[in-house]
Amino acid sequence: MRIPEENCNMVLVAAVTLFSMAVAGGAALLDSSDTHRMVADRTFGYTVPAPSSDKRIITVSDQPPARVVGAPFVPNTNPRER
């Protein structure tokens, strides 16, 4: 049985998708239950451990906004005019 040429790419995408889903499912089954709690998850009641003296916890809201230096980017929509 031969696959028509116009369906060849869809068959390839489906095969890669199924293979990657199988690999991800196998990794999820083999994964230990403690490693997924490294990320703060409020549904499991995970609490952040007390920070040690050598590491500082930085949240996104504490970081100052980045300053952009230079002219703003303007796309060249008409390449004949510069």
PDB file of N, CA and C in Angstrom:
ATOM      1  N   MET A   1       0.842  -1.166   0.000  1.00  0.00           N
ATOM      2  CA  MET A   1       0.000   0.000   0.000  1.00  0.00           C
ATOM      3  C   MET A   1       0.892   1.236   0.000  1.00  0.00           C
ATOM      4  N   ARG A   2       0.625   2.140  -0.874  1.00  0.00           N
ATOM      5  CA  ARG A   2       1.455   3.323  -1.025  1.00  0.00           C
ATOM      6  C   ARG A   2       0.669   4.564  -0.589  1.00  0.00           C
ATOM      7  N   ILE A   3       1.377   5.479   0.095  1.00  0.00           N
ATOM      8  CA  ILE A   3       0.769   6.715   0.570  1.00  0.00           C
ATOM      9  C   ILE A   3       0.802   7.731  -0.561  1.00  0.00           C
ATOM     10  N   PRO A   4      -0.322   8.385  -0.852  1.00  0.00           N
ATOM     11  CA  PRO A   4      -0.307   9.413  -1.902  1.00  0.00           C
ATOM     12  C   PRO A   4       0.661  10.546  -1.544  1.00  0.00           C
ATOM     13  N   GLU A   5       1.223  11.140  -2.569  1.00  0.00           N
ATOM     14  CA  GLU A   5       2.263  12.153  -2.356  1.00  0.00           C
ATOM     15  C   GLU A   5       1.754  13.366  -1.577  1.00  0.00           C
ATOM     16  N   GLU A   6       0.496  13.755  -1.758  1.00  0.00           N
ATOM     17  CA  GLU A   6      -0.019  14.926  -1.057  1.00  0.00           C
ATOM     18  C   GLU A   6      -0.244  14.651   0.426  1.00  0.00           C
ATOM     19  N   ASN A   7      -0.317  13.389   0.843  1.00  0.00           N
ATOM     20  CA  ASN A   7      -0.514  13.047   2.256  1.00  0.00           C
ATOM     21  C   ASN A   7       0.786  12.668   2.954  1.00  0.00           C
ATOM     22  N   CYS A   8       1.891  12.710   2.262  1.00  0.00           N
ATOM     23  CA  CYS A   8       3.162  12.252   2.804  1.00  0.00           C
ATOM     24  C   CYS A   8       3.594  13.092   4.015  1.00  0.00           C
ATOM     25  N   ASN A   9       3.467  14.404   3.916  1.00  0.00           N
ATOM     26  CA  ASN A   9       3.883  15.264   5.025  1.00  0.00           C
ATOM     27  C   ASN A   9       3.002  15.072   6.253  1.00  0.00           C
ATOM     28  N   MET A  10       1.711  14.872   6.059  1.00  0.00           N
ATOM     29  CA  MET A  10       0.818  14.663   7.193  1.00  0.00           C
ATOM     30  C   MET A  10       1.120  13.351   7.897  1.00  0.00           C
ATOM     31  N   VAL A  11       1.475  12.340   7.141  1.00  0.00           N
ATOM     32  CA  VAL A  11       1.829  11.054   7.749  1.00  0.00           C
ATOM     33  C   VAL A  11       3.118  11.203   8.551  1.00  0.00           C
ATOM     34  N   LEU A  12       4.072  11.958   8.036  1.00  0.00           N
ATOM     35  CA  LEU A  12       5.316  12.195   8.749  1.00  0.00           C
ATOM     36  C   LEU A  12       5.076  12.976  10.040  1.00  0.00           C
ATOM     37  N   VAL A  13       4.246  14.006   9.990  1.00  0.00           N
ATOM     38  CA  VAL A  13       3.927  14.781  11.188  1.00  0.00           C
ATOM     39  C   VAL A  13       3.217  13.906  12.211  1.00  0.00           C
ATOM     40  N   ALA A  14       2.290  13.085  11.773  1.00  0.00           N
ATOM     41  CA  ALA A  14       1.572  12.199  12.691  1.00  0.00           C
ATOM     42  C   ALA A  14       2.520  11.186  13.329  1.00  0.00           C
ATOM     43  N   ALA A  15       3.456  10.645  12.555  1.00  0.00           N
ATOM     44  CA  ALA A  15       4.398   9.673  13.100  1.00  0.00           C
ATOM     45  C   ALA A  15       5.323  10.314  14.137  1.00  0.00           C
ATOM     46  N   VAL A  16       5.813  11.510  13.857  1.00  0.00           N
ATOM     47  CA  VAL A  16       6.686  12.201  14.809  1.00  0.00           C
ATOM     48  C   VAL A  16       5.909  12.572  16.068  1.00  0.00           C
ATOM     49  N   THR A  17       4.662  12.982  15.916  1.00  0.00           N
ATOM     50  CA  THR A  17       3.834  13.328  17.070  1.00  0.00           C
ATOM     51  C   THR A  17       3.586  12.117  17.946  1.00  0.00           C
ATOM     52  N   LEU A  18       3.235  10.994  17.350  1.00  0.00           N
ATOM     53  CA  LEU A  18       2.987   9.779  18.126  1.00  0.00           C
ATOM     54  C   LEU A  18       4.252   9.296  18.819  1.00  0.00           C
ATOM     55  N   PHE A  19       5.386   9.376  18.141  1.00  0.00           N
ATOM     56  CA  PHE A  19       6.640   8.952  18.745  1.00  0.00           C
ATOM     57  C   PHE A  19       7.008   9.833  19.932  1.00  0.00           C
ATOM     58  N   SER A  20       6.874  11.143  19.767  1.00  0.00           N
ATOM     59  CA  SER A  20       7.234  12.047  20.867  1.00  0.00           C
ATOM     60  C   SER A  20       6.252  11.912  22.034  1.00  0.00           C
ATOM     61  N   MET A  21       4.969  11.634  21.740  1.00  0.00           N
ATOM     62  CA  MET A  21       4.016  11.398  22.818  1.00  0.00           C
ATOM     63  C   MET A  21       4.342  10.114  23.566  1.00  0.00           C
ATOM     64  N   ALA A  22       4.804   9.100  22.858  1.00  0.00           N
ATOM     65  CA  ALA A  22       5.187   7.851  23.511  1.00  0.00           C
ATOM     66  C   ALA A  22       6.416   8.058  24.398  1.00  0.00           C
ATOM     67  N   VAL A  23       7.381   8.829  23.936  1.00  0.00           N
ATOM     68  CA  VAL A  23       8.577   9.106  24.740  1.00  0.00           C
ATOM     69  C   VAL A  23       8.202   9.923  25.974  1.00  0.00           C
ATOM     70  N   ALA A  24       7.360  10.937  25.814  1.00  0.00           N
ATOM     71  CA  ALA A  24       6.942  11.754  26.950  1.00  0.00           C
ATOM     72  C   ALA A  24       6.116  10.930  27.943  1.00  0.00           C
ATOM     73  N   GLY A  25       5.260  10.058  27.455  1.00  0.00           N
ATOM     74  CA  GLY A  25       4.481   9.201  28.347  1.00  0.00           C
ATOM     75  C   GLY A  25       5.360   8.236  29.111  1.00  0.00           C
ATOM     76  N   GLY A  26       6.352   7.667  28.437  1.00  0.00           N
ATOM     77  CA  GLY A  26       7.283   6.764  29.122  1.00  0.00           C
ATOM     78  C   GLY A  26       8.099   7.489  30.169  1.00  0.00           C
ATOM     79  N   ALA A  27       8.513   8.707  29.869  1.00  0.00           N
ATOM     80  CA  ALA A  27       9.267   9.484  30.848  1.00  0.00           C
ATOM     81  C   ALA A  27       8.388   9.862  32.037  1.00  0.00           C
ATOM     82  N   ALA A  28       7.119  10.130  31.795  1.00  0.00           N
ATOM     83  CA  ALA A  28       6.208  10.464  32.896  1.00  0.00           C
ATOM     84  C   ALA A  28       5.948   9.253  33.782  1.00  0.00           C
ATOM     85  N   LEU A  29       5.902   8.075  33.191  1.00  0.00           N
ATOM     86  CA  LEU A  29       5.685   6.872  33.994  1.00  0.00           C
ATOM     87  C   LEU A  29       6.911   6.516  34.827  1.00  0.00           C
ATOM     88  N   LEU A  30       8.086   6.761  34.301  1.00  0.00           N
ATOM     89  CA  LEU A  30       9.320   6.419  35.001  1.00  0.00           C
ATOM     90  C   LEU A  30       9.783   7.502  35.963  1.00  0.00           C
ATOM     91  N   ASP A  31       9.195   8.659  35.893  1.00  0.00           N
ATOM     92  CA  ASP A  31       9.603   9.780  36.726  1.00  0.00           C
ATOM     93  C   ASP A  31       9.207   9.520  38.174  1.00  0.00           C
ATOM     94  N   SER A  32      10.098   9.877  39.106  1.00  0.00           N
ATOM     95  CA  SER A  32       9.761   9.717  40.519  1.00  0.00           C
ATOM     96  C   SER A  32       8.793  10.815  40.944  1.00  0.00           C
ATOM     97  N   SER A  33       8.044  10.579  41.991  1.00  0.00           N
ATOM     98  CA  SER A  33       7.002  11.522  42.385  1.00  0.00           C
ATOM     99  C   SER A  33       7.553  12.756  43.087  1.00  0.00           C
ATOM    100  N   ASP A  34       8.800  12.750  43.562  1.00  0.00           N
ATOM    101  CA  ASP A  34       9.338  13.888  44.297  1.00  0.00           C
ATOM    102  C   ASP A  34       9.938  14.954  43.399  1.00  0.00           C
ATOM    103  N   THR A  35      10.356  14.617  42.199  1.00  0.00           N
ATOM    104  CA  THR A  35      11.058  15.583  41.369  1.00  0.00           C
ATOM    105  C   THR A  35      10.127  16.626  40.775  1.00  0.00           C
ATOM    106  N   HIS A  36       8.850  16.331  40.588  1.00  0.00           N
ATOM    107  CA  HIS A  36       7.957  17.330  40.008  1.00  0.00           C
ATOM    108  C   HIS A  36       7.555  18.386  41.023  1.00  0.00           C
ATOM    109  N   ARG A  37       7.901  18.227  42.278  1.00  0.00           N
ATOM    110  CA  ARG A  37       7.571  19.220  43.287  1.00  0.00           C
ATOM    111  C   ARG A  37       8.667  20.263  43.466  1.00  0.00           C
ATOM    112  N   MET A  38       9.672  20.241  42.607  1.00  0.00           N
ATOM    113  CA  MET A  38      10.711  21.266  42.664  1.00  0.00           C
ATOM    114  C   MET A  38      10.125  22.632  42.315  1.00  0.00           C
ATOM    115  N   VAL A  39       9.146  22.645  41.446  1.00  0.00           N
ATOM    116  CA  VAL A  39       8.486  23.886  41.052  1.00  0.00           C
ATOM    117  C   VAL A  39       7.392  24.167  42.072  1.00  0.00           C
ATOM    118  N   ALA A  40       7.264  25.422  42.460  1.00  0.00           N
ATOM    119  CA  ALA A  40       6.249  25.786  43.441  1.00  0.00           C
ATOM    120  C   ALA A  40       4.871  25.528  42.858  1.00  0.00           C
ATOM    121  N   ASP A  41       4.133  24.651  43.465  1.00  0.00           N
ATOM    122  CA  ASP A  41       2.814  24.286  42.972  1.00  0.00           C
ATOM    123  C   ASP A  41       1.833  24.458  44.118  1.00  0.00           C
ATOM    124  N   ARG A  42       0.884  25.345  43.966  1.00  0.00           N
ATOM    125  CA  ARG A  42      -0.052  25.632  45.041  1.00  0.00           C
ATOM    126  C   ARG A  42      -1.116  24.558  45.201  1.00  0.00           C
ATOM    127  N   THR A  43      -1.306  23.704  44.209  1.00  0.00           N
ATOM    128  CA  THR A  43      -2.342  22.683  44.328  1.00  0.00           C
ATOM    129  C   THR A  43      -1.946  21.582  45.301  1.00  0.00           C
ATOM    130  N   PHE A  44      -0.647  21.350  45.490  1.00  0.00           N
ATOM    131  CA  PHE A  44      -0.196  20.297  46.403  1.00  0.00           C
ATOM    132  C   PHE A  44       0.192  20.850  47.773  1.00  0.00           C
ATOM    133  N   GLY A  45       0.059  22.155  47.982  1.00  0.00           N
ATOM    134  CA  GLY A  45       0.414  22.741  49.254  1.00  0.00           C
ATOM    135  C   GLY A  45       1.912  22.771  49.475  1.00  0.00           C
ATOM    136  N   TYR A  46       2.682  22.862  48.417  1.00  0.00           N
ATOM    137  CA  TYR A  46       4.142  22.882  48.520  1.00  0.00           C
ATOM    138  C   TYR A  46       4.590  24.216  49.083  1.00  0.00           C
ATOM    139  N   THR A  47       5.454  24.188  50.076  1.00  0.00           N
ATOM    140  CA  THR A  47       5.983  25.423  50.641  1.00  0.00           C
ATOM    141  C   THR A  47       7.435  25.572  50.242  1.00  0.00           C
ATOM    142  N   VAL A  48       7.849  26.802  50.069  1.00  0.00           N
ATOM    143  CA  VAL A  48       9.226  27.092  49.681  1.00  0.00           C
ATOM    144  C   VAL A  48      10.103  26.933  50.914  1.00  0.00           C
ATOM    145  N   PRO A  49      11.197  26.168  50.806  1.00  0.00           N
ATOM    146  CA  PRO A  49      12.072  26.017  51.974  1.00  0.00           C
ATOM    147  C   PRO A  49      12.761  27.334  52.314  1.00  0.00           C
ATOM    148  N   ALA A  50      13.218  27.440  53.557  1.00  0.00           N
ATOM    149  CA  ALA A  50      13.890  28.656  53.997  1.00  0.00           C
ATOM    150  C   ALA A  50      15.165  28.855  53.192  1.00  0.00           C
ATOM    151  N   PRO A  51      15.421  30.078  52.734  1.00  0.00           N
ATOM    152  CA  PRO A  51      16.623  30.305  51.921  1.00  0.00           C
ATOM    153  C   PRO A  51      17.890  30.149  52.756  1.00  0.00           C
ATOM    154  N   SER A  52      18.901  29.577  52.140  1.00  0.00           N
ATOM    155  CA  SER A  52      20.177  29.460  52.828  1.00  0.00           C
ATOM    156  C   SER A  52      20.910  30.792  52.741  1.00  0.00           C
ATOM    157  N   SER A  53      21.986  30.908  53.481  1.00  0.00           N
ATOM    158  CA  SER A  53      22.690  32.181  53.551  1.00  0.00           C
ATOM    159  C   SER A  53      23.433  32.516  52.268  1.00  0.00           C
ATOM    160  N   ASP A  54      23.791  31.506  51.459  1.00  0.00           N
ATOM    161  CA  ASP A  54      24.563  31.778  50.250  1.00  0.00           C
ATOM    162  C   ASP A  54      23.700  31.966  49.009  1.00  0.00           C
ATOM    163  N   LYS A  55      22.420  31.680  49.082  1.00  0.00           N
ATOM    164  CA  LYS A  55      21.544  31.833  47.920  1.00  0.00           C
ATOM    165  C   LYS A  55      20.456  32.852  48.240  1.00  0.00           C
ATOM    166  N   ARG A  56      20.185  33.728  47.275  1.00  0.00           N
ATOM    167  CA  ARG A  56      19.155  34.728  47.431  1.00  0.00           C
ATOM    168  C   ARG A  56      18.004  34.405  46.488  1.00  0.00           C
ATOM    169  N   ILE A  57      16.779  34.452  46.972  1.00  0.00           N
ATOM    170  CA  ILE A  57      15.618  34.195  46.132  1.00  0.00           C
ATOM    171  C   ILE A  57      15.213  35.504  45.473  1.00  0.00           C
ATOM    172  N   ILE A  58      15.124  35.494  44.146  1.00  0.00           N
ATOM    173  CA  ILE A  58      14.753  36.678  43.387  1.00  0.00           C
ATOM    174  C   ILE A  58      13.443  36.379  42.668  1.00  0.00           C
ATOM    175  N   THR A  59      12.456  37.215  42.873  1.00  0.00           N
ATOM    176  CA  THR A  59      11.197  37.051  42.161  1.00  0.00           C
ATOM    177  C   THR A  59      11.174  37.999  40.971  1.00  0.00           C
ATOM    178  N   VAL A  60      10.265  37.744  40.054  1.00  0.00           N
ATOM    179  CA  VAL A  60      10.196  38.542  38.835  1.00  0.00           C
ATOM    180  C   VAL A  60       9.800  39.977  39.149  1.00  0.00           C
ATOM    181  N   SER A  61       8.950  40.170  40.128  1.00  0.00           N
ATOM    182  CA  SER A  61       8.502  41.528  40.436  1.00  0.00           C
ATOM    183  C   SER A  61       9.599  42.367  41.075  1.00  0.00           C
ATOM    184  N   ASP A  62      10.639  41.744  41.630  1.00  0.00           N
ATOM    185  CA  ASP A  62      11.737  42.483  42.245  1.00  0.00           C
ATOM    186  C   ASP A  62      12.740  43.005  41.230  1.00  0.00           C
ATOM    187  N   GLN A  63      12.740  42.474  40.031  1.00  0.00           N
ATOM    188  CA  GLN A  63      13.735  42.868  39.042  1.00  0.00           C
ATOM    189  C   GLN A  63      13.327  44.188  38.386  1.00  0.00           C
ATOM    190  N   PRO A  64      14.298  45.096  38.192  1.00  0.00           N
ATOM    191  CA  PRO A  64      13.961  46.364  37.537  1.00  0.00           C
ATOM    192  C   PRO A  64      13.694  46.140  36.046  1.00  0.00           C
ATOM    193  N   PRO A  65      12.867  46.977  35.437  1.00  0.00           N
ATOM    194  CA  PRO A  65      12.612  46.802  34.000  1.00  0.00           C
ATOM    195  C   PRO A  65      13.865  47.096  33.182  1.00  0.00           C
ATOM    196  N   ALA A  66      13.990  46.425  32.072  1.00  0.00           N
ATOM    197  CA  ALA A  66      15.151  46.609  31.205  1.00  0.00           C
ATOM    198  C   ALA A  66      14.995  47.893  30.413  1.00  0.00           C
ATOM    199  N   ARG A  67      16.101  48.608  30.236  1.00  0.00           N
ATOM    200  CA  ARG A  67      16.090  49.856  29.473  1.00  0.00           C
ATOM    201  C   ARG A  67      16.638  49.574  28.084  1.00  0.00           C
ATOM    202  N   VAL A  68      15.897  49.935  27.080  1.00  0.00           N
ATOM    203  CA  VAL A  68      16.313  49.723  25.700  1.00  0.00           C
ATOM    204  C   VAL A  68      17.037  50.964  25.226  1.00  0.00           C
ATOM    205  N   VAL A  69      18.260  50.789  24.752  1.00  0.00           N
ATOM    206  CA  VAL A  69      19.069  51.910  24.288  1.00  0.00           C
ATOM    207  C   VAL A  69      19.078  51.901  22.772  1.00  0.00           C
ATOM    208  N   GLY A  70      18.846  53.036  22.155  1.00  0.00           N
ATOM    209  CA  GLY A  70      18.885  53.146  20.702  1.00  0.00           C
ATOM    210  C   GLY A  70      17.516  53.438  20.126  1.00  0.00           C
ATOM    211  N   ALA A  71      17.508  53.510  18.813  1.00  0.00           N
ATOM    212  CA  ALA A  71      16.265  53.814  18.110  1.00  0.00           C
ATOM    213  C   ALA A  71      15.351  52.589  18.118  1.00  0.00           C
ATOM    214  N   PRO A  72      14.043  52.806  18.179  1.00  0.00           N
ATOM    215  CA  PRO A  72      13.132  51.664  18.137  1.00  0.00           C
ATOM    216  C   PRO A  72      13.156  51.014  16.756  1.00  0.00           C
ATOM    217  N   PHE A  73      12.889  49.724  16.739  1.00  0.00           N
ATOM    218  CA  PHE A  73      12.887  48.984  15.480  1.00  0.00           C
ATOM    219  C   PHE A  73      11.641  49.323  14.680  1.00  0.00           C
ATOM    220  N   VAL A  74      11.834  49.707  13.433  1.00  0.00           N
ATOM    221  CA  VAL A  74      10.734  49.972  12.513  1.00  0.00           C
ATOM    222  C   VAL A  74      10.959  49.089  11.292  1.00  0.00           C
ATOM    223  N   PRO A  75      10.070  48.157  11.014  1.00  0.00           N
ATOM    224  CA  PRO A  75      10.277  47.278   9.876  1.00  0.00           C
ATOM    225  C   PRO A  75      10.192  48.040   8.563  1.00  0.00           C
ATOM    226  N   ASN A  76      11.032  47.630   7.616  1.00  0.00           N
ATOM    227  CA  ASN A  76      11.045  48.257   6.294  1.00  0.00           C
ATOM    228  C   ASN A  76       9.957  47.605   5.462  1.00  0.00           C
ATOM    229  N   THR A  77       8.808  48.261   5.376  1.00  0.00           N
ATOM    230  CA  THR A  77       7.690  47.685   4.649  1.00  0.00           C
ATOM    231  C   THR A  77       7.783  47.958   3.141  1.00  0.00           C
ATOM    232  N   ASN A  78       8.558  48.953   2.748  1.00  0.00           N
ATOM    233  CA  ASN A  78       8.741  49.258   1.342  1.00  0.00           C
ATOM    234  C   ASN A  78      10.250  49.220   1.044  1.00  0.00           C
ATOM    235  N   PRO A  79      10.787  48.127   0.536  1.00  0.00           N
ATOM    236  CA  PRO A  79      12.226  47.990   0.368  1.00  0.00           C
ATOM    237  C   PRO A  79      12.826  48.935  -0.661  1.00  0.00           C
ATOM    238  N   ARG A  80      12.049  49.510  -1.541  1.00  0.00           N
ATOM    239  CA  ARG A  80      12.609  50.430  -2.557  1.00  0.00           C
ATOM    240  C   ARG A  80      12.940  51.784  -1.951  1.00  0.00           C
ATOM    241  N   GLU A  81      12.287  52.139  -0.869  1.00  0.00           N
ATOM    242  CA  GLU A  81      12.552  53.411  -0.221  1.00  0.00           C
ATOM    243  C   GLU A  81      13.416  53.165   1.023  1.00  0.00           C
ATOM    244  N   ARG A  82      14.457  53.941   1.143  1.00  0.00           N
ATOM    245  CA  ARG A  82      15.314  53.811   2.319  1.00  0.00           C
ATOM    246  C   ARG A  82      15.334  55.083   3.093  1.00  0.00           C
TER     247      ARG A  82
END
